[in-house]
C-alpha cells in the first residue's frame, strides 16, 4: 500500500524506501539494474509520483545524505 503520512504541522510526507536511492534516480527516472523487475519498479514510481502530486506531499529519499543532514534529529521531531 502506498500512502502519504499527514503530519499536523509538517503536512504529508512520503518516505521513498528503496524506490529511489538518489535524487538523480527520480529526476532521470532511472531504476537500479539489480531491481527484480524494471517494469514493476516503473509502476511503483508512477504510483508514488501520482500520490505526491495528488496530496502535495514532500518526498524524503532516505538514501539522500544531503537531505538527511537537513532533517531534525532527536530530541527534535516532526508533527
PDB file of N, CA and C in Angstrom:
ATOM      1  N   UNK A   1       0.846  -1.168   0.000  1.00  0.00           N
ATOM      2  CA  UNK A   1       0.000   0.000   0.000  1.00  0.00           C
ATOM      3  C   UNK A   1       0.895   1.236   0.000  1.00  0.00           C
ATOM      4  N   UNK A   2       0.548   2.171  -0.840  1.00  0.00           N
ATOM      5  CA  UNK A   2       1.295   3.421  -0.912  1.00  0.00           C
ATOM      6  C   UNK A   2       0.401   4.520  -0.371  1.00  0.00           C
ATOM      7  N   UNK A   3       0.909   5.255   0.612  1.00  0.00           N
ATOM      8  CA  UNK A   3       0.138   6.372   1.140  1.00  0.00           C
ATOM      9  C   UNK A   3       1.076   7.400   1.738  1.00  0.00           C
ATOM     10  N   UNK A   4       0.578   8.619   1.797  1.00  0.00           N
ATOM     11  CA  UNK A   4       1.327   9.706   2.411  1.00  0.00           C
ATOM     12  C   UNK A   4       0.921   9.792   3.867  1.00  0.00           C
ATOM     13  N   UNK A   5       1.880  10.018   4.708  1.00  0.00           N
ATOM     14  CA  UNK A   5       1.598  10.219   6.135  1.00  0.00           C
ATOM     15  C   UNK A   5       1.394  11.706   6.340  1.00  0.00           C
ATOM     16  N   UNK A   6       0.219  12.108   6.824  1.00  0.00           N
ATOM     17  CA  UNK A   6      -0.083  13.524   7.068  1.00  0.00           C
ATOM     18  C   UNK A   6       0.249  13.879   8.509  1.00  0.00           C
ATOM     19  N   UNK A   7       1.188  14.765   8.653  1.00  0.00           N
ATOM     20  CA  UNK A   7       1.537  15.263   9.974  1.00  0.00           C
ATOM     21  C   UNK A   7       0.858  16.618  10.173  1.00  0.00           C
ATOM     22  N   UNK A   8       0.362  16.856  11.359  1.00  0.00           N
ATOM     23  CA  UNK A   8      -0.457  18.033  11.641  1.00  0.00           C
ATOM     24  C   UNK A   8       0.212  19.340  11.206  1.00  0.00           C
ATOM     25  N   UNK A   9       1.461  19.541  11.547  1.00  0.00           N
ATOM     26  CA  UNK A   9       2.138  20.801  11.256  1.00  0.00           C
ATOM     27  C   UNK A   9       3.080  20.721  10.060  1.00  0.00           C
ATOM     28  N   UNK A  10       3.562  19.554   9.756  1.00  0.00           N
ATOM     29  CA  UNK A  10       4.532  19.379   8.681  1.00  0.00           C
ATOM     30  C   UNK A  10       3.851  19.140   7.343  1.00  0.00           C
ATOM     31  N   UNK A  11       2.680  18.518   7.372  1.00  0.00           N
ATOM     32  CA  UNK A  11       1.984  18.170   6.141  1.00  0.00           C
ATOM     33  C   UNK A  11       2.294  16.749   5.724  1.00  0.00           C
ATOM     34  N   UNK A  12       1.882  16.377   4.514  1.00  0.00           N
ATOM     35  CA  UNK A  12       2.080  14.997   4.067  1.00  0.00           C
ATOM     36  C   UNK A  12       3.533  14.721   3.678  1.00  0.00           C
ATOM     37  N   UNK A  13       4.015  13.570   4.087  1.00  0.00           N
ATOM     38  CA  UNK A  13       5.374  13.130   3.787  1.00  0.00           C
ATOM     39  C   UNK A  13       5.317  11.711   3.231  1.00  0.00           C
ATOM     40  N   UNK A  14       6.095  11.465   2.194  1.00  0.00           N
ATOM     41  CA  UNK A  14       6.250  10.117   1.644  1.00  0.00           C
ATOM     42  C   UNK A  14       7.717   9.739   1.795  1.00  0.00           C
ATOM     43  N   UNK A  15       7.967   8.597   2.399  1.00  0.00           N
ATOM     44  CA  UNK A  15       9.330   8.074   2.513  1.00  0.00           C
ATOM     45  C   UNK A  15       9.578   7.161   1.326  1.00  0.00           C
ATOM     46  N   UNK A  16      10.692   7.358   0.653  1.00  0.00           N
ATOM     47  CA  UNK A  16      10.928   6.638  -0.594  1.00  0.00           C
ATOM     48  C   UNK A  16      11.257   5.165  -0.410  1.00  0.00           C
ATOM     49  N   UNK A  17      11.674   4.787   0.784  1.00  0.00           N
ATOM     50  CA  UNK A  17      12.135   3.412   0.942  1.00  0.00           C
ATOM     51  C   UNK A  17      13.277   3.176  -0.032  1.00  0.00           C
ATOM     52  N   UNK A  18      13.240   2.085  -0.761  1.00  0.00           N
ATOM     53  CA  UNK A  18      14.268   1.815  -1.763  1.00  0.00           C
ATOM     54  C   UNK A  18      13.804   2.136  -3.182  1.00  0.00           C
ATOM     55  N   UNK A  19      12.680   2.831  -3.302  1.00  0.00           N
ATOM     56  CA  UNK A  19      12.202   3.192  -4.637  1.00  0.00           C
ATOM     57  C   UNK A  19      13.211   4.084  -5.342  1.00  0.00           C
ATOM     58  N   UNK A  20      13.687   5.089  -4.625  1.00  0.00           N
ATOM     59  CA  UNK A  20      14.730   5.967  -5.148  1.00  0.00           C
ATOM     60  C   UNK A  20      15.929   5.884  -4.217  1.00  0.00           C
ATOM     61  N   UNK A  21      17.105   5.743  -4.789  1.00  0.00           N
ATOM     62  CA  UNK A  21      18.318   5.748  -3.976  1.00  0.00           C
ATOM     63  C   UNK A  21      18.971   7.117  -3.982  1.00  0.00           C
ATOM     64  N   UNK A  22      18.757   7.861  -5.040  1.00  0.00           N
ATOM     65  CA  UNK A  22      19.373   9.180  -5.183  1.00  0.00           C
ATOM     66  C   UNK A  22      18.379  10.130  -5.834  1.00  0.00           C
ATOM     67  N   UNK A  23      18.565  11.434  -5.639  1.00  0.00           N
ATOM     68  CA  UNK A  23      17.703  12.417  -6.295  1.00  0.00           C
ATOM     69  C   UNK A  23      17.733  12.238  -7.806  1.00  0.00           C
ATOM     70  N   UNK A  24      18.906  11.934  -8.336  1.00  0.00           N
ATOM     71  CA  UNK A  24      19.049  11.763  -9.778  1.00  0.00           C
ATOM     72  C   UNK A  24      18.195  10.594 -10.285  1.00  0.00           C
ATOM     73  N   UNK A  25      18.019   9.577  -9.471  1.00  0.00           N
ATOM     74  CA  UNK A  25      17.176   8.445  -9.870  1.00  0.00           C
ATOM     75  C   UNK A  25      15.760   8.928 -10.159  1.00  0.00           C
ATOM     76  N   UNK A  26      15.296   9.844  -9.334  1.00  0.00           N
ATOM     77  CA  UNK A  26      13.950  10.383  -9.536  1.00  0.00           C
ATOM     78  C   UNK A  26      13.916  11.315 -10.734  1.00  0.00           C
ATOM     79  N   UNK A  27      14.845  12.231 -10.798  1.00  0.00           N
ATOM     80  CA  UNK A  27      14.873  13.213 -11.882  1.00  0.00           C
ATOM     81  C   UNK A  27      14.989  12.553 -13.243  1.00  0.00           C
ATOM     82  N   UNK A  28      15.834  11.536 -13.327  1.00  0.00           N
ATOM     83  CA  UNK A  28      16.107  10.877 -14.615  1.00  0.00           C
ATOM     84  C   UNK A  28      15.261   9.628 -14.852  1.00  0.00           C
ATOM     85  N   UNK A  29      14.395   9.286 -13.882  1.00  0.00           N
ATOM     86  CA  UNK A  29      13.574   8.058 -13.956  1.00  0.00           C
ATOM     87  C   UNK A  29      14.450   6.845 -14.246  1.00  0.00           C
ATOM     88  N   UNK A  30      15.401   6.647 -13.366  1.00  0.00           N
ATOM     89  CA  UNK A  30      16.305   5.500 -13.501  1.00  0.00           C
ATOM     90  C   UNK A  30      16.009   4.475 -12.418  1.00  0.00           C
ATOM     91  N   UNK A  31      16.093   3.233 -12.820  1.00  0.00           N
ATOM     92  CA  UNK A  31      15.863   2.118 -11.906  1.00  0.00           C
ATOM     93  C   UNK A  31      17.179   1.355 -11.792  1.00  0.00           C
ATOM     94  N   UNK A  32      17.589   0.998 -10.572  1.00  0.00           N
ATOM     95  CA  UNK A  32      18.825   0.224 -10.433  1.00  0.00           C
ATOM     96  C   UNK A  32      18.759  -1.087 -11.209  1.00  0.00           C
ATOM     97  N   UNK A  33      19.878  -1.480 -11.751  1.00  0.00           N
ATOM     98  CA  UNK A  33      19.927  -2.712 -12.542  1.00  0.00           C
ATOM     99  C   UNK A  33      19.671  -3.959 -11.700  1.00  0.00           C
ATOM    100  N   UNK A  34      19.866  -3.849 -10.384  1.00  0.00           N
ATOM    101  CA  UNK A  34      19.670  -5.016  -9.518  1.00  0.00           C
ATOM    102  C   UNK A  34      18.225  -5.184  -9.058  1.00  0.00           C
ATOM    103  N   UNK A  35      17.329  -4.264  -9.444  1.00  0.00           N
ATOM    104  CA  UNK A  35      15.917  -4.441  -9.092  1.00  0.00           C
ATOM    105  C   UNK A  35      15.371  -5.695  -9.761  1.00  0.00           C
ATOM    106  N   UNK A  36      14.456  -6.341  -9.105  1.00  0.00           N
ATOM    107  CA  UNK A  36      13.883  -7.586  -9.601  1.00  0.00           C
ATOM    108  C   UNK A  36      13.204  -7.392 -10.948  1.00  0.00           C
ATOM    109  N   UNK A  37      12.403  -6.319 -11.057  1.00  0.00           N
ATOM    110  CA  UNK A  37      11.651  -6.083 -12.283  1.00  0.00           C
ATOM    111  C   UNK A  37      11.638  -4.592 -12.599  1.00  0.00           C
ATOM    112  N   UNK A  38      12.234  -4.227 -13.703  1.00  0.00           N
ATOM    113  CA  UNK A  38      12.229  -2.826 -14.113  1.00  0.00           C
ATOM    114  C   UNK A  38      10.799  -2.339 -14.346  1.00  0.00           C
ATOM    115  N   UNK A  39       9.977  -3.151 -14.985  1.00  0.00           N
ATOM    116  CA  UNK A  39       8.593  -2.769 -15.274  1.00  0.00           C
ATOM    117  C   UNK A  39       7.808  -2.520 -13.986  1.00  0.00           C
ATOM    118  N   UNK A  40       7.954  -3.406 -13.012  1.00  0.00           N
ATOM    119  CA  UNK A  40       7.258  -3.225 -11.732  1.00  0.00           C
ATOM    120  C   UNK A  40       7.799  -2.017 -10.976  1.00  0.00           C
ATOM    121  N   UNK A  41       9.084  -1.763 -11.101  1.00  0.00           N
ATOM    122  CA  UNK A  41       9.676  -0.583 -10.466  1.00  0.00           C
ATOM    123  C   UNK A  41       9.063   0.680 -11.055  1.00  0.00           C
ATOM    124  N   UNK A  42       8.911   0.733 -12.368  1.00  0.00           N
ATOM    125  CA  UNK A  42       8.305   1.909 -13.000  1.00  0.00           C
ATOM    126  C   UNK A  42       6.835   2.048 -12.626  1.00  0.00           C
ATOM    127  N   UNK A  43       6.139   0.947 -12.437  1.00  0.00           N
ATOM    128  CA  UNK A  43       4.750   1.018 -11.970  1.00  0.00           C
ATOM    129  C   UNK A  43       4.694   1.650 -10.583  1.00  0.00           C
ATOM    130  N   UNK A  44       5.617   1.256  -9.717  1.00  0.00           N
ATOM    131  CA  UNK A  44       5.671   1.826  -8.369  1.00  0.00           C
ATOM    132  C   UNK A  44       6.025   3.309  -8.411  1.00  0.00           C
ATOM    133  N   UNK A  45       6.982   3.654  -9.267  1.00  0.00           N
ATOM    134  CA  UNK A  45       7.362   5.061  -9.420  1.00  0.00           C
ATOM    135  C   UNK A  45       6.146   5.881  -9.837  1.00  0.00           C
ATOM    136  N   UNK A  46       5.400   5.397 -10.808  1.00  0.00           N
ATOM    137  CA  UNK A  46       4.228   6.128 -11.282  1.00  0.00           C
ATOM    138  C   UNK A  46       3.190   6.301 -10.177  1.00  0.00           C
ATOM    139  N   UNK A  47       2.982   5.265  -9.372  1.00  0.00           N
ATOM    140  CA  UNK A  47       2.018   5.346  -8.267  1.00  0.00           C
ATOM    141  C   UNK A  47       2.466   6.363  -7.220  1.00  0.00           C
ATOM    142  N   UNK A  48       3.744   6.330  -6.871  1.00  0.00           N
ATOM    143  CA  UNK A  48       4.258   7.253  -5.859  1.00  0.00           C
ATOM    144  C   UNK A  48       4.210   8.686  -6.376  1.00  0.00           C
ATOM    145  N   UNK A  49       4.604   8.899  -7.608  1.00  0.00           N
ATOM    146  CA  UNK A  49       4.569  10.253  -8.169  1.00  0.00           C
ATOM    147  C   UNK A  49       3.140  10.789  -8.242  1.00  0.00           C
ATOM    148  N   UNK A  50       2.182   9.937  -8.561  1.00  0.00           N
ATOM    149  CA  UNK A  50       0.771  10.352  -8.582  1.00  0.00           C
ATOM    150  C   UNK A  50       0.310  10.722  -7.178  1.00  0.00           C
ATOM    151  N   UNK A  51       0.708   9.942  -6.191  1.00  0.00           N
ATOM    152  CA  UNK A  51       0.351  10.235  -4.806  1.00  0.00           C
ATOM    153  C   UNK A  51       0.935  11.574  -4.360  1.00  0.00           C
ATOM    154  N   UNK A  52       2.187  11.807  -4.693  1.00  0.00           N
ATOM    155  CA  UNK A  52       2.838  13.068  -4.320  1.00  0.00           C
ATOM    156  C   UNK A  52       2.101  14.236  -4.956  1.00  0.00           C
ATOM    157  N   UNK A  53       1.754  14.097  -6.210  1.00  0.00           N
ATOM    158  CA  UNK A  53       1.047  15.168  -6.913  1.00  0.00           C
ATOM    159  C   UNK A  53      -0.338  15.391  -6.307  1.00  0.00           C
ATOM    160  N   UNK A  54      -1.042  14.311  -6.027  1.00  0.00           N
ATOM    161  CA  UNK A  54      -2.411  14.385  -5.503  1.00  0.00           C
ATOM    162  C   UNK A  54      -2.452  15.000  -4.105  1.00  0.00           C
ATOM    163  N   UNK A  55      -1.485  14.650  -3.273  1.00  0.00           N
ATOM    164  CA  UNK A  55      -1.516  15.077  -1.868  1.00  0.00           C
ATOM    165  C   UNK A  55      -0.602  16.259  -1.577  1.00  0.00           C
ATOM    166  N   UNK A  56       0.185  16.674  -2.575  1.00  0.00           N
ATOM    167  CA  UNK A  56       1.179  17.744  -2.392  1.00  0.00           C
ATOM    168  C   UNK A  56       2.175  17.368  -1.295  1.00  0.00           C
ATOM    169  N   UNK A  57       2.522  16.105  -1.261  1.00  0.00           N
ATOM    170  CA  UNK A  57       3.426  15.578  -0.237  1.00  0.00           C
ATOM    171  C   UNK A  57       4.871  15.943  -0.539  1.00  0.00           C
ATOM    172  N   UNK A  58       5.654  15.951   0.516  1.00  0.00           N
ATOM    173  CA  UNK A  58       7.103  16.078   0.405  1.00  0.00           C
ATOM    174  C   UNK A  58       7.678  14.674   0.358  1.00  0.00           C
ATOM    175  N   UNK A  59       8.583  14.432  -0.571  1.00  0.00           N
ATOM    176  CA  UNK A  59       9.229  13.123  -0.679  1.00  0.00           C
ATOM    177  C   UNK A  59      10.568  13.172   0.028  1.00  0.00           C
ATOM    178  N   UNK A  60      10.787  12.232   0.926  1.00  0.00           N
ATOM    179  CA  UNK A  60      12.085  12.087   1.580  1.00  0.00           C
ATOM    180  C   UNK A  60      12.758  10.855   0.998  1.00  0.00           C
ATOM    181  N   UNK A  61      13.874  11.079   0.302  1.00  0.00           N
ATOM    182  CA  UNK A  61      14.665   9.977  -0.245  1.00  0.00           C
ATOM    183  C   UNK A  61      15.651   9.563   0.839  1.00  0.00           C
ATOM    184  N   UNK A  62      15.408   8.416   1.418  1.00  0.00           N
ATOM    185  CA  UNK A  62      16.122   8.033   2.635  1.00  0.00           C
ATOM    186  C   UNK A  62      17.603   7.758   2.447  1.00  0.00           C
ATOM    187  N   UNK A  63      18.030   7.504   1.228  1.00  0.00           N
ATOM    188  CA  UNK A  63      19.457   7.296   0.973  1.00  0.00           C
ATOM    189  C   UNK A  63      20.173   8.608   0.656  1.00  0.00           C
ATOM    190  N   UNK A  64      19.448   9.721   0.679  1.00  0.00           N
ATOM    191  CA  UNK A  64      19.996  11.026   0.303  1.00  0.00           C
ATOM    192  C   UNK A  64      20.688  11.664   1.508  1.00  0.00           C
ATOM    193  N   UNK A  65      21.996  11.588   1.527  1.00  0.00           N
ATOM    194  CA  UNK A  65      22.773  12.110   2.655  1.00  0.00           C
ATOM    195  C   UNK A  65      22.550  13.604   2.851  1.00  0.00           C
ATOM    196  N   UNK A  66      22.495  14.357   1.761  1.00  0.00           N
ATOM    197  CA  UNK A  66      22.283  15.807   1.858  1.00  0.00           C
ATOM    198  C   UNK A  66      20.938  16.105   2.522  1.00  0.00           C
ATOM    199  N   UNK A  67      19.907  15.357   2.170  1.00  0.00           N
ATOM    200  CA  UNK A  67      18.605  15.545   2.816  1.00  0.00           C
ATOM    201  C   UNK A  67      18.691  15.170   4.286  1.00  0.00           C
ATOM    202  N   UNK A  68      19.292  14.036   4.585  1.00  0.00           N
ATOM    203  CA  UNK A  68      19.394  13.568   5.971  1.00  0.00           C
ATOM    204  C   UNK A  68      20.065  14.597   6.868  1.00  0.00           C
ATOM    205  N   UNK A  69      21.035  15.300   6.330  1.00  0.00           N
ATOM    206  CA  UNK A  69      21.741  16.303   7.123  1.00  0.00           C
ATOM    207  C   UNK A  69      20.863  17.504   7.456  1.00  0.00           C
ATOM    208  N   UNK A  70      19.777  17.722   6.708  1.00  0.00           N
ATOM    209  CA  UNK A  70      18.896  18.863   6.961  1.00  0.00           C
ATOM    210  C   UNK A  70      17.720  18.523   7.866  1.00  0.00           C
ATOM    211  N   UNK A  71      17.474  17.237   8.095  1.00  0.00           N
ATOM    212  CA  UNK A  71      16.302  16.827   8.868  1.00  0.00           C
ATOM    213  C   UNK A  71      16.549  16.931  10.366  1.00  0.00           C
ATOM    214  N   UNK A  72      15.464  17.151  11.095  1.00  0.00           N
ATOM    215  CA  UNK A  72      15.542  17.216  12.557  1.00  0.00           C
ATOM    216  C   UNK A  72      15.988  15.872  13.113  1.00  0.00           C
ATOM    217  N   UNK A  73      16.755  15.931  14.164  1.00  0.00           N
ATOM    218  CA  UNK A  73      17.208  14.729  14.861  1.00  0.00           C
ATOM    219  C   UNK A  73      16.679  14.774  16.298  1.00  0.00           C
ATOM    220  N   UNK A  74      16.512  13.624  16.913  1.00  0.00           N
ATOM    221  CA  UNK A  74      16.038  13.554  18.293  1.00  0.00           C
ATOM    222  C   UNK A  74      16.949  14.411  19.181  1.00  0.00           C
ATOM    223  N   UNK A  75      16.386  15.134  20.070  1.00  0.00           N
ATOM    224  CA  UNK A  75      15.010  15.092  20.571  1.00  0.00           C
ATOM    225  C   UNK A  75      14.029  15.928  19.767  1.00  0.00           C
ATOM    226  N   UNK A  76      14.471  16.617  18.717  1.00  0.00           N
ATOM    227  CA  UNK A  76      13.518  17.328  17.866  1.00  0.00           C
ATOM    228  C   UNK A  76      12.682  16.309  17.118  1.00  0.00           C
ATOM    229  N   UNK A  77      11.545  16.755  16.568  1.00  0.00           N
ATOM    230  CA  UNK A  77      10.668  15.820  15.874  1.00  0.00           C
ATOM    231  C   UNK A  77       9.778  16.580  14.910  1.00  0.00           C
ATOM    232  N   UNK A  78       9.133  15.831  14.041  1.00  0.00           N
ATOM    233  CA  UNK A  78       8.154  16.384  13.109  1.00  0.00           C
ATOM    234  C   UNK A  78       6.774  15.991  13.621  1.00  0.00           C
ATOM    235  N   UNK A  79       5.857  16.930  13.517  1.00  0.00           N
ATOM    236  CA  UNK A  79       4.472  16.613  13.922  1.00  0.00           C
ATOM    237  C   UNK A  79       3.488  17.225  12.961  1.00  0.00           C
TER     238      UNK A  79
END
